[in-house]
C-alpha atoms as a PDB file:
ATOM      1  CA  MET A   1       0.000   0.000   0.000  1.00  0.00           C
ATOM      2  CA  THR A   2       1.369   3.371  -1.003  1.00  0.00           C
ATOM      3  CA  ALA A   3       0.456   6.274   1.250  1.00  0.00           C
ATOM      4  CA  VAL A   4       1.045   9.818   0.107  1.00  0.00           C
ATOM      5  CA  ALA A   5       0.532  12.743   2.456  1.00  0.00           C
ATOM      6  CA  CYS A   6       0.078  16.038   0.682  1.00  0.00           C
ATOM      7  CA  ALA A   7       0.103  19.174   2.808  1.00  0.00           C
ATOM      8  CA  ALA A   8      -1.771  22.308   1.857  1.00  0.00           C
ATOM      9  CA  SER A   9      -2.083  25.306   4.093  1.00  0.00           C
ATOM     10  CA  THR A  10      -3.652  28.689   3.718  1.00  0.00           C
ATOM     11  CA  SER A  11      -1.075  31.453   3.720  1.00  0.00           C
ATOM     12  CA  ALA A  12      -0.995  33.410   6.964  1.00  0.00           C
ATOM     13  CA  SER A  13      -0.957  36.579   4.877  1.00  0.00           C
ATOM     14  CA  LEU A  14      -4.554  35.953   3.803  1.00  0.00           C
ATOM     15  CA  THR A  15      -6.776  37.768   6.253  1.00  0.00           C
ATOM     16  CA  SER A  16     -10.398  36.999   6.906  1.00  0.00           C
ATOM     17  CA  LYS A  17     -11.338  40.232   5.098  1.00  0.00           C
ATOM     18  CA  ALA A  18      -9.247  39.298   2.056  1.00  0.00           C
ATOM     19  CA  LEU A  19     -10.868  35.848   1.916  1.00  0.00           C
ATOM     20  CA  SER A  20     -14.288  37.409   2.381  1.00  0.00           C
ATOM     21  CA  ALA A  21     -13.796  39.956  -0.395  1.00  0.00           C
ATOM     22  CA  ALA A  22     -12.422  37.423  -2.875  1.00  0.00           C
ATOM     23  CA  GLY A  23     -15.131  34.893  -2.035  1.00  0.00           C
ATOM     24  CA  LEU A  24     -17.948  37.418  -2.378  1.00  0.00           C
ATOM     25  CA  ARG A  25     -16.653  38.791  -5.688  1.00  0.00           C
ATOM     26  CA  ALA A  26     -16.460  35.260  -7.074  1.00  0.00           C
ATOM     27  CA  PHE A  27     -19.894  34.392  -5.667  1.00  0.00           C
ATOM     28  CA  PHE A  28     -21.590  37.385  -7.287  1.00  0.00           C
ATOM     29  CA  ARG A  29     -19.992  36.559 -10.657  1.00  0.00           C
ATOM     30  CA  ILE A  30     -21.166  32.949 -10.363  1.00  0.00           C
ATOM     31  CA  ALA A  31     -24.658  34.058  -9.293  1.00  0.00           C
ATOM     32  CA  GLY A  32     -24.796  36.269 -12.389  1.00  0.00           C
ATOM     33  CA  SER A  33     -23.697  33.382 -14.622  1.00  0.00           C
ATOM     34  CA  TRP A  34     -26.350  31.143 -13.092  1.00  0.00           C
ATOM     35  CA  GLY A  35     -29.034  33.835 -13.376  1.00  0.00           C
ATOM     36  CA  LEU A  36     -29.867  33.822  -9.660  1.00  0.00           C
ATOM     37  CA  ASN A  37     -32.193  36.432  -8.225  1.00  0.00           C
ATOM     38  CA  THR A  38     -31.517  38.309  -4.989  1.00  0.00           C
ATOM     39  CA  GLU A  39     -33.526  35.950  -2.774  1.00  0.00           C
ATOM     40  CA  GLU A  40     -31.801  32.860  -4.187  1.00  0.00           C
ATOM     41  CA  GLN A  41     -28.417  34.476  -3.598  1.00  0.00           C
ATOM     42  CA  ARG A  42     -29.349  35.348  -0.008  1.00  0.00           C
ATOM     43  CA  VAL A  43     -30.418  31.766   0.722  1.00  0.00           C
ATOM     44  CA  LEU A  44     -27.159  30.388  -0.673  1.00  0.00           C
ATOM     45  CA  LEU A  45     -25.213  32.855   1.483  1.00  0.00           C
ATOM     46  CA  GLY A  46     -27.020  31.705   4.629  1.00  0.00           C
ATOM     47  CA  ALA A  47     -29.900  34.203   4.630  1.00  0.00           C
ATOM     48  CA  PRO A  48     -28.165  37.401   5.728  1.00  0.00           C
ATOM     49  CA  GLY A  49     -30.373  40.433   6.234  1.00  0.00           C
ATOM     50  CA  ARG A  50     -31.226  42.364   3.083  1.00  0.00           C
ATOM     51  CA  SER A  51     -29.155  45.381   4.112  1.00  0.00           C
ATOM     52  CA  THR A  52     -26.161  43.145   4.908  1.00  0.00           C
ATOM     53  CA  TYR A  53     -26.519  41.377   1.561  1.00  0.00           C
ATOM     54  CA  PHE A  54     -26.563  44.672  -0.340  1.00  0.00           C
ATOM     55  CA  LYS A  55     -23.546  45.943   1.643  1.00  0.00           C
ATOM     56  CA  TRP A  56     -21.651  42.790   0.708  1.00  0.00           C
ATOM     57  CA  LYS A  57     -22.647  43.181  -2.911  1.00  0.00           C
ATOM     58  CA  SER A  58     -21.722  46.865  -3.187  1.00  0.00           C
ATOM     59  CA  ALA A  59     -18.501  46.716  -1.140  1.00  0.00           C
ATOM     60  CA  PRO A  60     -17.201  43.140  -0.735  1.00  0.00           C
ATOM     61  CA  GLU A  61     -13.811  44.461   0.415  1.00  0.00           C
ATOM     62  CA  LEU A  62     -15.442  45.732   3.627  1.00  0.00           C
ATOM     63  CA  ALA A  63     -17.016  42.390   4.524  1.00  0.00           C
ATOM     64  CA  ASP A  64     -15.595  40.199   7.271  1.00  0.00           C
ATOM     65  CA  LEU A  65     -17.607  37.026   6.891  1.00  0.00           C
ATOM     66  CA  LYS A  66     -18.212  34.442   9.564  1.00  0.00           C
ATOM     67  CA  ARG A  67     -16.912  30.919   9.194  1.00  0.00           C
ATOM     68  CA  ASP A  68     -20.352  29.594   8.169  1.00  0.00           C
ATOM     69  CA  THR A  69     -20.611  31.993   5.223  1.00  0.00           C
ATOM     70  CA  LEU A  70     -17.026  31.309   4.138  1.00  0.00           C
ATOM     71  CA  GLU A  71     -17.771  27.594   4.160  1.00  0.00           C
ATOM     72  CA  ARG A  72     -20.884  28.167   2.039  1.00  0.00           C
ATOM     73  CA  LEU A  73     -18.801  30.165  -0.435  1.00  0.00           C
ATOM     74  CA  SER A  74     -16.251  27.357  -0.541  1.00  0.00           C
ATOM     75  CA  TYR A  75     -18.940  24.823  -1.471  1.00  0.00           C
ATOM     76  CA  ILE A  76     -20.417  27.098  -4.145  1.00  0.00           C
ATOM     77  CA  LEU A  77     -17.009  27.767  -5.691  1.00  0.00           C
ATOM     78  CA  GLY A  78     -16.338  24.018  -5.704  1.00  0.00           C
ATOM     79  CA  ILE A  79     -19.691  23.346  -7.380  1.00  0.00           C
ATOM     80  CA  TYR A  80     -18.921  25.941 -10.040  1.00  0.00           C
ATOM     81  CA  LYS A  81     -15.413  24.570 -10.632  1.00  0.00           C
ATOM     82  CA  SER A  82     -16.654  20.991 -10.931  1.00  0.00           C
ATOM     83  CA  LEU A  83     -19.315  22.037 -13.437  1.00  0.00           C
ATOM     84  CA  GLN A  84     -16.718  23.850 -15.547  1.00  0.00           C
ATOM     85  CA  ILE A  85     -14.597  20.697 -15.623  1.00  0.00           C
ATOM     86  CA  LEU A  86     -17.449  18.254 -16.266  1.00  0.00           C
ATOM     87  CA  ILE A  87     -19.226  20.411 -18.860  1.00  0.00           C
ATOM     88  CA  PRO A  88     -16.639  22.453 -20.800  1.00  0.00           C
ATOM     89  CA  ASP A  89     -19.319  24.461 -22.631  1.00  0.00           C
ATOM     90  CA  THR A  90     -19.824  27.468 -20.314  1.00  0.00           C
ATOM     91  CA  THR A  91     -23.436  28.050 -21.339  1.00  0.00           C
ATOM     92  CA  ALA A  92     -24.337  24.407 -20.756  1.00  0.00           C
ATOM     93  CA  SER A  93     -22.484  24.195 -17.434  1.00  0.00           C
ATOM     94  CA  ASP A  94     -24.214  27.347 -16.173  1.00  0.00           C
ATOM     95  CA  ALA A  95     -27.606  26.024 -17.293  1.00  0.00           C
ATOM     96  CA  TRP A  96     -27.111  22.616 -15.593  1.00  0.00           C
ATOM     97  CA  ILE A  97     -27.703  24.071 -12.144  1.00  0.00           C
ATOM     98  CA  LYS A  98     -31.369  24.848 -12.992  1.00  0.00           C
ATOM     99  CA  LYS A  99     -32.206  21.741 -15.036  1.00  0.00           C
ATOM    100  CA  ALA A 100     -34.286  18.910 -13.610  1.00  0.00           C
ATOM    101  CA  ASN A 101     -32.086  15.991 -12.624  1.00  0.00           C
ATOM    102  CA  THR A 102     -33.122  12.354 -12.299  1.00  0.00           C
ATOM    103  CA  ALA A 103     -30.248  11.407  -9.982  1.00  0.00           C
ATOM    104  CA  PRO A 104     -31.621  10.109  -6.661  1.00  0.00           C
ATOM    105  CA  LEU A 105     -30.020  13.026  -4.813  1.00  0.00           C
ATOM    106  CA  PHE A 106     -32.245  15.475  -6.691  1.00  0.00           C
ATOM    107  CA  GLY A 107     -35.441  13.459  -7.092  1.00  0.00           C
ATOM    108  CA  GLY A 108     -36.356  15.045 -10.418  1.00  0.00           C
ATOM    109  CA  LYS A 109     -35.666  18.585  -9.206  1.00  0.00           C
ATOM    110  CA  SER A 110     -32.703  20.777 -10.086  1.00  0.00           C
ATOM    111  CA  ALA A 111     -29.436  21.040  -8.189  1.00  0.00           C
ATOM    112  CA  LEU A 112     -30.375  24.642  -7.429  1.00  0.00           C
ATOM    113  CA  ASP A 113     -33.627  23.470  -5.820  1.00  0.00           C
ATOM    114  CA  ARG A 114     -31.573  21.196  -3.550  1.00  0.00           C
ATOM    115  CA  MET A 115     -29.095  23.988  -2.766  1.00  0.00           C
ATOM    116  CA  LEU A 116     -31.924  26.373  -1.906  1.00  0.00           C
ATOM    117  CA  GLY A 117     -33.007  24.063   0.919  1.00  0.00           C
ATOM    118  CA  GLY A 118     -31.006  26.521   2.989  1.00  0.00           C
ATOM    119  CA  ASN A 119     -28.938  23.994   4.910  1.00  0.00           C
ATOM    120  CA  MET A 120     -25.178  23.732   4.656  1.00  0.00           C
ATOM    121  CA  SER A 121     -25.666  20.007   4.064  1.00  0.00           C
ATOM    122  CA  ASP A 122     -27.579  20.749   0.842  1.00  0.00           C
ATOM    123  CA  LEU A 123     -24.594  22.614  -0.578  1.00  0.00           C
ATOM    124  CA  LEU A 124     -22.261  19.860   0.592  1.00  0.00           C
ATOM    125  CA  ALA A 125     -24.418  17.160  -1.017  1.00  0.00           C
ATOM    126  CA  VAL A 126     -24.344  18.873  -4.431  1.00  0.00           C
ATOM    127  CA  ARG A 127     -20.603  19.504  -4.117  1.00  0.00           C
ATOM    128  CA  GLN A 128     -19.927  15.861  -3.227  1.00  0.00           C
ATOM    129  CA  TYR A 129     -22.133  14.644  -6.068  1.00  0.00           C
ATOM    130  CA  LEU A 130     -20.229  16.721  -8.636  1.00  0.00           C
ATOM    131  CA  ASP A 131     -16.814  15.946  -7.170  1.00  0.00           C
ATOM    132  CA  ALA A 132     -17.595  12.229  -7.266  1.00  0.00           C
ATOM    133  CA  ARG A 133     -18.696  12.559 -10.900  1.00  0.00           C
ATOM    134  CA  ARG A 134     -15.545  14.522 -11.691  1.00  0.00           C
ATOM    135  CA  VAL A 135     -13.222  12.050  -9.966  1.00  0.00           C
ATOM    136  CA  GLY A 136     -15.027   9.135 -11.597  1.00  0.00           C
ATOM    137  CA  TRP A 137     -14.618  10.854 -14.957  1.00  0.00           C
ATOM    138  CA  ALA A 138     -10.894  11.383 -14.357  1.00  0.00           C
ATOM    139  CA  PHE A 139     -10.350   7.757 -13.291  1.00  0.00           C
ATOM    140  CA  GLN A 140     -12.500   5.943 -15.828  1.00  0.00           C
ATOM    141  CA  GLY A 141     -12.412   2.237 -15.084  1.00  0.00           C
ATOM    142  CA  ALA A 142     -11.269   2.732 -11.500  1.00  0.00           C
ATOM    143  CA  PHE A 143     -13.240   2.539  -8.282  1.00  0.00           C
ATOM    144  CA  VAL A 144     -12.991   5.879  -6.462  1.00  0.00           C
ATOM    145  CA  ALA A 145     -14.451   6.792  -3.063  1.00  0.00           C
ATOM    146  CA  PRO A 146     -14.142  10.471  -2.075  1.00  0.00           C
ATOM    147  CA  PHE A 147     -14.597  11.703   1.470  1.00  0.00           C
ATOM    148  CA  PHE A 148     -14.720  15.430   2.131  1.00  0.00           C
ATOM    149  CA  LEU A 149     -13.999  17.214   5.389  1.00  0.00           C
ATOM    150  CA  ALA A 150     -14.217  20.844   4.288  1.00  0.00           C
ATOM    151  CA  LYS A 151     -13.376  23.826   6.463  1.00  0.00           C
ATOM    152  CA  PRO A 152     -13.068  27.345   5.058  1.00  0.00           C
ATOM    153  CA  TYR A 153      -9.532  27.936   6.364  1.00  0.00           C
ATOM    154  CA  GLN A 154      -8.222  24.426   6.283  1.00  0.00           C
ATOM    155  CA  VAL A 155      -9.644  22.325   3.494  1.00  0.00           C
ATOM    156  CA  ARG A 156      -8.794  18.651   3.762  1.00  0.00           C
ATOM    157  CA  GLN A 157      -9.751  16.077   1.260  1.00  0.00           C
ATOM    158  CA  VAL A 158      -9.186  12.406   1.783  1.00  0.00           C
ATOM    159  CA  LEU A 159      -9.244  10.394  -1.394  1.00  0.00           C
ATOM    160  CA  LEU A 160      -8.970   6.635  -1.422  1.00  0.00           C
ATOM    161  CA  ALA A 161      -8.546   5.443  -4.975  1.00  0.00           C
ATOM    162  CA  ILE A 162      -8.361   1.793  -5.843  1.00  0.00           C
ATOM    163  CA  ASP A 163      -6.839   1.690  -9.294  1.00  0.00           C
ATOM    164  CA  THR A 164      -7.629  -1.541 -11.075  1.00  0.00           C
ATOM    165  CA  LEU A 165      -6.253  -0.461 -14.436  1.00  0.00           C
ATOM    166  CA  GLY A 166      -2.671  -1.659 -13.880  1.00  0.00           C
ATOM    167  CA  PRO A 167      -1.322  -5.198 -13.693  1.00  0.00           C
ATOM    168  CA  ALA A 168      -1.716  -5.188  -9.896  1.00  0.00           C
ATOM    169  CA  THR A 169      -4.284  -3.396  -7.770  1.00  0.00           C
ATOM    170  CA  LYS A 170      -2.811  -0.265  -6.193  1.00  0.00           C
ATOM    171  CA  TYR A 171      -4.169   1.517  -3.148  1.00  0.00           C
ATOM    172  CA  THR A 172      -3.407   5.208  -2.797  1.00  0.00           C
ATOM    173  CA  THR A 173      -4.415   7.467   0.048  1.00  0.00           C
ATOM    174  CA  CYS A 174      -3.841  11.199  -0.264  1.00  0.00           C
ATOM    175  CA  ILE A 175      -4.641  13.692   2.466  1.00  0.00           C
ATOM    176  CA  ILE A 176      -4.713  17.256   1.170  1.00  0.00           C
END
């Protein structure tokens, strides 16, 4: 068994305000690409007050978001990234979020409907679904089991991949 430990740490120079500003700017661009209205955006951000939401939108550099909101932003950015990888056509990847989906996770509704449940776990479920699809796509023919333990300041991803493509089965564990 080969074990690989990969370390990733957030630079100490990144302040909470810098993370907040960058995350909000990215979120508002993604929300525009997905065609989300104000109420949908507020739900995805954890239902901040309307005045707070509009302050964040007009001056993201002044925001100092709480851990919960940063974690939500992390999931949304991951969802967006996975869609861009899985569906290279930008228009199609942006439209996917609102299309009905027959996967059991969505029960015929769209991923956005699931995400708008308002719970952090709804965002996590969509993120895990797309990441699993993306990893499965990258390792066609291999069995891949992803486990995600996401934190906004310290993101760790444990990936156990059993690669059956080679002459012998290989087990690789990577902690990022």
